[in-house]
Amino acid sequence: MSIAVVVYGRAGDLADRLERLRGAVTVVRHCDELTEVIALAESGLADAALLLGPTVDLDAAFADELAFHGVPAVAITDEPEDAERLAGLGLGVEPTAASEQSISDLLELLAAGTRRPPRSARHASSAEPVPAEDPLPDPGRILAVWGPSGSTGKTLVAVNLAAEAAIAGQRVLLVDADTYGSSVAVHLGLLDESAGIAQLCRLSDQGMLDDSGFERSCAVVAVGGATLRVATGLPRPHRWPELRSGALTRVLDFVRRRVDLVVVDVASLLERDEDLTYDTSAPQRNGAALAVLESAAEIIAVGSADSVGVPRLVKGLEELREILPDADPRVVLNRVRRSSVGPSPERALRETWERFGPDGGIAGMLPADPEAADRALLQGSVLAEVAPDSELRARIAELISVSVRRRTGLFSR
């Protein structure tokens, strides 16, 4: 088997020594820029890459691009922290003192789809066993809150779901991943432009996401006597390329190991750009929503309970299942009221759903309470603080199996 290898950088004579082995590895091109490496990977001329240049430029975007084209890579570095970072990005890592035969073997193994054990394990002697790492805690659950286009109130639902879980004693992270109109920060009175989710994705791209970065990027918000962490969204929609789907997926995998529940508010639109996905891994604006929905253990689909919102939700769920056939969203109808549905709104909506909606039924109905919702938004707070006895709060809490005190007079409008 012959492996065509492109080399980035010109450190020493390692590439020449690889050639002199006359083994499986053949150096086909020397590149001075990472963009050249990507271009060769995209063209199909490279089976693997050997990275001898500055490692500071090697980030997750570059690693994801190579992985998208099926080209493994080996980076050469002697810095332990750098080696750990690069390994976390999925790159093979070898020290500068490694022999050309060792590097050739690793390139061959990676090109064949086989990975070696970590370098620390390979270099440990039999007399000095490598200590086992502390096991990771059980990962938390990712709950995505989605809804079709239109004002469905999904952000109100997401914010208060997170608040109720926190009040119930769970460690909660609320994430705003809406690339069209983020509003979680406004709902909670966080009027800064730090874009916590963008900071997390940036750290992930650099291979530097750790507990310290997680804590710096996520605001701590007090709600109803408890606290939750919040990764605020993009303050301006044109910044959507900062939420690459690959980086966001890694961020979600990281944060779910630090909390019990991750609630994510995502955008409505789900269409894939076929022109972009045909032969490249170019970023897509809807990629963030798709990445969240693919990572989520549970999806809550929020729709408006009226003659416009229900048909939109039915069509939106059909589109969602075309894109993610295994998705099994829980349907929640919001702003249920007599004035838009009739004298028995809950019964009428269930009958309508049985006739026209997809299988699975309706998981929850949230009564219209514009006074409580407006007061919460005006004060940058949650229902548990501004309307603790409201039926709207109780119904939202029920969605995550939390029970709170109710009041009488359902669907009073």
Protein backbone atom coordinates (compact mmCIF):
# COMPACT_ATOMS: atom_id res chain seq x y z
CA MET A 1 0.00 0.00 0.00
CA SER A 2 1.30 3.43 -0.94
CA ILE A 3 0.32 6.46 1.16
CA ALA A 4 0.51 9.88 -0.44
CA VAL A 5 1.56 12.33 2.29
CA VAL A 6 1.60 16.11 2.11
CA VAL A 7 4.01 17.89 4.46
CA TYR A 8 3.30 21.25 6.09
CA GLY A 9 6.44 23.16 7.10
CA ARG A 10 10.10 22.36 6.53
CA ALA A 11 11.48 21.53 9.99
CA GLY A 12 14.75 19.64 9.58
CA ASP A 13 15.20 16.72 7.20
CA LEU A 14 12.42 14.50 8.56
CA ALA A 15 10.52 14.43 5.28
CA ASP A 16 13.68 13.42 3.40
CA ARG A 17 14.37 10.65 5.90
CA LEU A 18 10.81 9.37 5.44
CA GLU A 19 11.42 9.19 1.71
CA ARG A 20 14.67 7.29 2.17
CA LEU A 21 12.84 4.54 4.05
CA ARG A 22 11.28 3.48 0.72
CA GLY A 23 8.28 2.19 2.63
CA ALA A 24 4.57 2.84 2.25
CA VAL A 25 4.88 6.61 2.76
CA THR A 26 5.49 8.81 -0.26
CA VAL A 27 5.84 12.58 0.17
CA VAL A 28 3.95 14.12 -2.72
CA ARG A 29 4.06 17.82 -1.81
CA HIS A 30 5.67 20.31 0.58
CA CYS A 31 3.27 23.08 1.66
CA ASP A 32 4.06 26.41 3.27
CA GLU A 33 0.41 27.23 4.04
CA LEU A 34 -2.33 25.22 5.71
CA THR A 35 -4.69 26.27 2.94
CA GLU A 36 -2.52 24.27 0.53
CA VAL A 37 -2.91 21.21 2.73
CA ILE A 38 -6.68 21.63 2.70
CA ALA A 39 -6.73 22.10 -1.06
CA LEU A 40 -4.75 18.89 -1.62
CA ALA A 41 -7.02 17.00 0.79
CA GLU A 42 -10.09 18.30 -1.03
CA SER A 43 -8.66 17.32 -4.42
CA GLY A 44 -8.08 13.73 -3.27
CA LEU A 45 -4.32 13.88 -3.86
CA ALA A 46 -3.45 13.34 -0.18
CA ASP A 47 -3.99 10.22 1.92
CA ALA A 48 -2.45 11.76 5.05
CA ALA A 49 -0.68 14.90 6.25
CA LEU A 50 2.50 15.43 8.26
CA LEU A 51 2.46 18.75 10.12
CA LEU A 52 5.95 20.10 10.85
CA GLY A 53 5.08 23.80 10.84
CA PRO A 54 3.98 26.03 13.74
CA THR A 55 1.35 24.20 15.76
CA VAL A 56 -0.25 27.44 16.95
CA ASP A 57 -2.12 27.61 13.64
CA LEU A 58 -3.53 24.11 13.97
CA ASP A 59 -7.08 24.50 15.25
CA ALA A 60 -10.33 22.57 15.23
CA ALA A 61 -11.52 24.15 11.99
CA PHE A 62 -8.43 22.81 10.22
CA ALA A 63 -8.76 19.38 11.87
CA ASP A 64 -12.47 19.21 10.99
CA GLU A 65 -11.71 20.10 7.40
CA LEU A 66 -9.15 17.31 7.07
CA ALA A 67 -11.52 14.85 8.77
CA PHE A 68 -14.32 15.87 6.40
CA HIS A 69 -12.11 14.82 3.47
CA GLY A 70 -10.93 11.65 5.22
CA VAL A 71 -7.31 12.75 5.57
CA PRO A 72 -5.63 11.92 8.93
CA ALA A 73 -2.72 13.99 10.14
CA VAL A 74 0.28 13.72 12.45
CA ALA A 75 1.68 16.81 14.20
CA ILE A 76 5.23 17.04 15.57
CA THR A 77 5.68 18.83 18.90
CA ASP A 78 7.56 18.46 22.18
CA GLU A 79 5.26 20.69 24.27
CA PRO A 80 3.05 18.51 26.56
CA GLU A 81 0.18 20.99 26.66
CA ASP A 82 0.32 21.45 22.91
CA ALA A 83 0.40 17.69 22.38
CA GLU A 84 -2.67 17.25 24.59
CA ARG A 85 -4.51 20.01 22.73
CA LEU A 86 -3.72 18.58 19.30
CA ALA A 87 -4.66 15.05 20.38
CA GLY A 88 -7.97 16.47 21.58
CA LEU A 89 -8.56 17.77 18.06
CA GLY A 90 -8.18 14.25 16.70
CA LEU A 91 -4.64 14.63 15.33
CA GLY A 92 -1.87 12.11 15.81
CA VAL A 93 1.05 13.52 17.82
CA GLU A 94 4.75 12.58 17.87
CA PRO A 95 7.83 14.22 19.49
CA THR A 96 10.64 15.68 17.41
CA ALA A 97 12.89 12.84 18.60
CA ALA A 98 10.60 10.19 17.10
CA SER A 99 12.23 8.05 14.44
CA GLU A 100 11.18 8.26 10.83
CA GLN A 101 10.06 4.64 11.06
CA SER A 102 7.78 5.40 14.01
CA ILE A 103 6.20 8.33 12.18
CA SER A 104 5.84 6.30 8.99
CA ASP A 105 4.11 3.52 10.94
CA LEU A 106 1.72 5.99 12.57
CA LEU A 107 0.83 7.58 9.24
CA GLU A 108 0.19 4.15 7.78
CA LEU A 109 -2.01 3.14 10.72
CA LEU A 110 -4.02 6.35 10.59
CA ALA A 111 -4.50 6.13 6.85
CA ALA A 112 -5.81 2.60 7.34
CA GLY A 113 -8.26 3.83 9.96
CA THR A 114 -6.38 2.45 12.99
CA ARG A 115 -5.20 4.58 15.90
CA ARG A 116 -2.26 3.90 18.18
CA PRO A 117 -2.59 4.16 21.97
CA PRO A 118 -1.74 7.60 23.39
CA ARG A 119 1.95 8.45 23.31
CA SER A 120 2.25 8.32 27.12
CA ALA A 121 0.99 4.73 27.11
CA ARG A 122 3.33 3.70 24.27
CA HIS A 123 6.38 5.11 26.02
CA ALA A 124 5.59 3.72 29.47
CA SER A 125 7.66 0.74 30.56
CA SER A 126 6.17 -2.46 31.89
CA ALA A 127 7.65 -1.67 35.30
CA GLU A 128 5.83 1.68 35.41
CA PRO A 129 2.17 1.18 34.48
CA VAL A 130 0.25 4.24 33.34
CA PRO A 131 -2.23 5.30 36.05
CA ALA A 132 -5.86 5.16 34.99
CA GLU A 133 -7.57 8.50 34.46
CA ASP A 134 -10.41 9.49 36.76
CA PRO A 135 -13.67 8.35 35.17
CA LEU A 136 -15.82 11.10 33.71
CA PRO A 137 -19.11 11.73 35.50
CA ASP A 138 -22.30 10.55 33.87
CA PRO A 139 -23.05 13.07 31.12
CA GLY A 140 -26.04 15.34 31.49
CA ARG A 141 -29.04 15.44 29.20
CA ILE A 142 -29.30 17.83 26.25
CA LEU A 143 -32.80 19.25 25.78
CA ALA A 144 -33.35 21.23 22.56
CA VAL A 145 -36.25 23.70 22.32
CA TRP A 146 -37.27 24.26 18.72
CA GLY A 147 -40.26 25.64 16.88
CA PRO A 148 -41.33 26.48 13.32
CA SER A 149 -41.04 29.99 11.91
CA GLY A 150 -43.21 32.61 13.53
CA SER A 151 -43.47 33.87 17.06
CA THR A 152 -44.05 30.64 18.99
CA GLY A 153 -42.64 31.68 22.37
CA LYS A 154 -39.96 28.98 22.34
CA THR A 155 -37.41 31.20 24.09
CA LEU A 156 -39.84 31.88 26.95
CA VAL A 157 -40.31 28.11 27.25
CA ALA A 158 -36.55 27.39 27.11
CA VAL A 159 -35.66 30.02 29.71
CA ASN A 160 -38.30 28.89 32.17
CA LEU A 161 -37.59 25.18 31.63
CA ALA A 162 -33.99 25.86 32.60
CA ALA A 163 -35.07 27.97 35.58
CA GLU A 164 -37.46 25.33 36.92
CA ALA A 165 -34.83 22.60 36.61
CA ALA A 166 -32.33 24.77 38.52
CA ILE A 167 -34.86 25.57 41.24
CA ALA A 168 -35.51 21.83 41.54
CA GLY A 169 -31.84 21.34 42.40
CA GLN A 170 -30.27 20.40 39.07
CA ARG A 171 -27.05 21.86 37.67
CA VAL A 172 -28.27 23.59 34.53
CA LEU A 173 -26.73 25.32 31.54
CA LEU A 174 -28.96 27.39 29.25
CA VAL A 175 -27.53 27.86 25.75
CA ASP A 176 -28.73 30.32 23.11
CA ALA A 177 -27.81 28.80 19.72
CA ASP A 178 -30.34 30.74 17.63
CA THR A 179 -28.34 32.13 14.71
CA TYR A 180 -31.22 34.27 13.42
CA GLY A 181 -32.47 36.11 16.49
CA SER A 182 -30.98 35.22 19.86
CA SER A 183 -32.99 36.59 22.80
CA VAL A 184 -32.12 34.56 25.90
CA ALA A 185 -29.92 37.39 27.21
CA VAL A 186 -32.80 39.88 26.94
CA HIS A 187 -35.19 37.51 28.70
CA LEU A 188 -32.77 37.29 31.63
CA GLY A 189 -31.65 40.93 31.67
CA LEU A 190 -28.14 40.14 30.42
CA LEU A 191 -27.62 43.11 28.13
CA ASP A 192 -23.98 42.57 27.24
CA GLU A 193 -22.50 41.44 23.94
CA SER A 194 -20.11 38.80 25.19
CA ALA A 195 -21.80 35.97 23.21
CA GLY A 196 -20.89 33.16 25.58
CA ILE A 197 -21.66 30.43 23.07
CA ALA A 198 -19.28 32.03 20.55
CA GLN A 199 -16.55 32.14 23.21
CA LEU A 200 -17.04 28.45 23.94
CA CYS A 201 -16.87 27.58 20.24
CA ARG A 202 -13.73 29.69 19.83
CA LEU A 203 -12.02 27.89 22.71
CA SER A 204 -13.09 24.56 21.23
CA ASP A 205 -11.65 25.51 17.84
CA GLN A 206 -8.35 26.34 19.52
CA GLY A 207 -8.37 23.09 21.49
CA MET A 208 -8.34 25.12 24.72
CA LEU A 209 -11.80 24.47 26.13
CA ASP A 210 -11.45 23.56 29.81
CA ASP A 211 -13.30 24.13 33.06
CA SER A 212 -11.80 27.59 33.47
CA GLY A 213 -12.86 28.64 29.98
CA PHE A 214 -16.32 27.20 30.56
CA GLU A 215 -16.75 29.25 33.73
CA ARG A 216 -15.45 32.44 32.11
CA SER A 217 -17.73 32.11 29.10
CA CYS A 218 -20.98 31.34 30.91
CA ALA A 219 -22.77 33.88 33.07
CA VAL A 220 -24.20 32.81 36.43
CA VAL A 221 -27.81 33.94 36.87
CA ALA A 222 -29.87 33.81 40.08
CA VAL A 223 -33.41 32.46 39.57
CA GLY A 224 -35.91 31.77 42.30
CA GLY A 225 -33.31 31.18 44.99
CA ALA A 226 -31.14 29.00 42.75
CA THR A 227 -28.55 29.66 40.06
CA LEU A 228 -28.03 28.51 36.50
CA ARG A 229 -25.29 29.11 33.97
CA VAL A 230 -26.09 30.83 30.69
CA ALA A 231 -24.16 30.79 27.40
CA THR A 232 -25.61 33.86 25.73
CA GLY A 233 -26.21 34.01 21.99
CA LEU A 234 -24.89 36.12 19.15
CA PRO A 235 -25.85 39.79 19.54
CA ARG A 236 -25.85 40.25 15.76
CA PRO A 237 -27.13 37.67 13.26
CA HIS A 238 -24.28 38.29 10.79
CA ARG A 239 -21.90 36.60 13.25
CA TRP A 240 -23.49 33.19 12.57
CA PRO A 241 -20.28 31.68 11.06
CA GLU A 242 -18.81 31.74 14.60
CA LEU A 243 -21.09 28.81 15.48
CA ARG A 244 -19.60 26.10 13.28
CA SER A 245 -21.47 22.85 13.65
CA GLY A 246 -18.29 20.87 14.42
CA ALA A 247 -17.23 23.27 17.17
CA LEU A 248 -20.75 23.44 18.61
CA THR A 249 -21.01 19.65 18.73
CA ARG A 250 -17.74 19.47 20.68
CA VAL A 251 -18.92 22.22 23.03
CA LEU A 252 -22.14 20.35 23.77
CA ASP A 253 -20.22 17.16 24.46
CA PHE A 254 -17.96 19.07 26.84
CA VAL A 255 -20.61 21.00 28.78
CA ARG A 256 -22.94 18.04 29.22
CA ARG A 257 -20.23 16.49 31.39
CA ARG A 258 -20.24 19.51 33.68
CA VAL A 259 -23.98 19.86 34.36
CA ASP A 260 -27.08 17.73 34.79
CA LEU A 261 -29.16 19.41 32.08
CA VAL A 262 -28.31 21.50 29.02
CA VAL A 263 -31.29 23.44 27.62
CA VAL A 264 -30.62 24.83 24.13
CA ASP A 265 -32.77 27.38 22.30
CA VAL A 266 -32.29 26.85 18.54
CA ALA A 267 -33.39 28.61 15.36
CA SER A 268 -36.47 27.60 13.40
CA LEU A 269 -35.00 27.11 9.94
CA LEU A 270 -33.44 23.70 9.22
CA GLU A 271 -32.82 23.62 5.47
CA ARG A 272 -29.44 22.38 4.36
CA ASP A 273 -27.67 24.37 1.64
CA GLU A 274 -27.19 21.70 -1.03
CA ASP A 275 -24.80 23.90 -3.00
CA LEU A 276 -22.49 24.07 0.01
CA THR A 277 -22.80 20.47 1.17
CA TYR A 278 -22.15 18.92 -2.24
CA ASP A 279 -18.39 18.74 -2.04
CA THR A 280 -17.17 20.96 0.79
CA SER A 281 -17.49 21.47 4.52
CA ALA A 282 -18.27 25.18 4.20
CA PRO A 283 -20.16 26.56 7.20
CA GLN A 284 -23.93 26.74 6.97
CA ARG A 285 -26.17 29.12 8.86
CA ASN A 286 -28.56 26.34 9.84
CA GLY A 287 -25.72 24.03 10.80
CA ALA A 288 -25.89 25.14 14.44
CA ALA A 289 -29.55 24.14 14.81
CA LEU A 290 -28.96 20.81 13.09
CA ALA A 291 -25.92 20.08 15.26
CA VAL A 292 -27.94 20.74 18.43
CA LEU A 293 -30.92 18.65 17.29
CA GLU A 294 -28.62 15.77 16.35
CA SER A 295 -26.91 15.92 19.76
CA ALA A 296 -30.10 16.31 21.80
CA ALA A 297 -31.50 13.47 23.87
CA GLU A 298 -34.88 15.18 23.72
CA ILE A 299 -36.51 17.80 21.50
CA ILE A 300 -39.44 19.97 22.55
CA ALA A 301 -41.26 21.39 19.53
CA VAL A 302 -43.17 24.55 20.43
CA GLY A 303 -45.99 25.88 18.25
CA SER A 304 -48.66 28.55 18.58
CA ALA A 305 -52.15 27.30 19.40
CA ASP A 306 -54.06 29.03 16.62
CA SER A 307 -55.16 28.52 13.03
CA VAL A 308 -51.78 29.71 11.71
CA GLY A 309 -49.44 28.20 14.27
CA VAL A 310 -50.80 24.64 14.28
CA PRO A 311 -50.45 24.06 10.50
CA ARG A 312 -46.98 25.60 10.62
CA LEU A 313 -46.01 23.20 13.40
CA VAL A 314 -47.36 20.19 11.49
CA LYS A 315 -45.33 21.14 8.40
CA GLY A 316 -42.28 21.95 10.50
CA LEU A 317 -42.38 18.53 12.15
CA GLU A 318 -42.59 16.87 8.73
CA GLU A 319 -39.48 18.79 7.67
CA LEU A 320 -37.71 17.92 10.92
CA ARG A 321 -38.35 14.22 10.44
CA GLU A 322 -37.18 14.34 6.82
CA ILE A 323 -33.84 15.74 8.00
CA LEU A 324 -33.62 13.71 11.23
CA PRO A 325 -35.67 10.53 10.72
CA ASP A 326 -34.93 9.25 14.23
CA ALA A 327 -36.13 12.43 15.93
CA ASP A 328 -39.09 11.96 18.28
CA PRO A 329 -40.01 15.49 19.41
CA ARG A 330 -42.50 16.25 22.16
CA VAL A 331 -45.15 18.63 20.86
CA VAL A 332 -46.09 21.62 23.03
CA LEU A 333 -48.78 24.11 22.02
CA ASN A 334 -48.27 27.58 23.45
CA ARG A 335 -50.68 30.47 24.12
CA VAL A 336 -53.79 28.29 24.35
CA ARG A 337 -56.87 30.51 24.71
CA ARG A 338 -60.59 30.48 23.99
CA SER A 339 -60.46 33.60 21.82
CA SER A 340 -58.44 31.86 19.09
CA VAL A 341 -59.64 28.24 19.38
CA GLY A 342 -63.15 28.18 20.89
CA PRO A 343 -64.92 27.49 24.18
CA SER A 344 -63.10 24.18 24.83
CA PRO A 345 -59.62 24.94 23.50
CA GLU A 346 -57.75 21.91 24.83
CA ARG A 347 -60.29 19.41 23.52
CA ALA A 348 -60.54 21.18 20.16
CA LEU A 349 -56.78 21.22 19.73
CA ARG A 350 -56.43 17.52 20.55
CA GLU A 351 -59.17 16.62 18.10
CA THR A 352 -57.54 18.72 15.39
CA TRP A 353 -54.15 17.16 16.09
CA GLU A 354 -55.58 13.64 15.89
CA ARG A 355 -56.96 14.43 12.43
CA PHE A 356 -54.08 16.37 10.89
CA GLY A 357 -51.03 16.08 13.13
CA PRO A 358 -48.28 13.43 13.13
CA ASP A 359 -48.30 10.46 15.46
CA GLY A 360 -47.38 10.94 19.09
CA GLY A 361 -50.04 13.38 20.20
CA ILE A 362 -49.58 16.58 22.19
CA ALA A 363 -47.26 16.44 25.18
CA GLY A 364 -48.30 19.74 26.73
CA MET A 365 -50.49 22.81 26.39
CA LEU A 366 -49.45 26.15 27.82
CA PRO A 367 -52.20 28.66 28.62
CA ALA A 368 -51.96 32.20 27.35
CA ASP A 369 -50.82 34.52 30.12
CA PRO A 370 -49.60 37.68 28.40
CA GLU A 371 -49.53 39.64 31.66
CA ALA A 372 -47.10 37.24 33.34
CA ALA A 373 -45.01 36.80 30.17
CA ASP A 374 -44.76 40.57 29.62
CA ARG A 375 -43.84 41.21 33.25
CA ALA A 376 -41.09 38.60 33.10
CA LEU A 377 -39.66 40.07 29.91
CA LEU A 378 -39.87 43.64 31.20
CA GLN A 379 -38.05 42.75 34.41
CA GLY A 380 -35.53 40.39 32.74
CA SER A 381 -36.68 37.61 35.00
CA VAL A 382 -38.47 34.23 35.02
CA LEU A 383 -42.01 33.20 35.84
CA ALA A 384 -40.93 31.63 39.12
CA GLU A 385 -40.08 35.13 40.36
CA VAL A 386 -42.69 37.40 38.76
CA ALA A 387 -45.66 35.00 38.66
CA PRO A 388 -44.82 32.06 40.94
CA ASP A 389 -48.44 30.85 41.20
CA SER A 390 -49.30 31.16 37.51
CA GLU A 391 -50.71 28.25 35.57
CA LEU A 392 -48.25 29.00 32.76
CA ARG A 393 -45.32 28.43 35.12
CA ALA A 394 -46.86 25.19 36.41
CA ARG A 395 -47.44 23.81 32.92
CA ILE A 396 -43.88 24.60 31.81
CA ALA A 397 -42.47 22.93 34.93
CA GLU A 398 -44.52 19.80 34.20
CA LEU A 399 -42.58 19.38 30.93
CA ILE A 400 -39.53 18.39 32.98
CA SER A 401 -41.51 16.54 35.66
CA VAL A 402 -41.31 19.36 38.21
CA SER A 403 -44.45 20.09 40.24
CA VAL A 404 -45.30 23.62 41.44
CA ARG A 405 -48.41 25.16 42.97
CA ARG A 406 -51.20 26.02 40.52
CA ARG A 407 -54.00 28.49 40.48
CA THR A 408 -57.55 28.13 39.20
CA GLY A 409 -59.12 29.61 36.07
CA LEU A 410 -57.47 27.76 33.19
CA PHE A 411 -57.51 29.44 29.78
CA SER A 412 -59.25 32.45 31.18
CA ARG A 413 -58.87 34.45 27.99
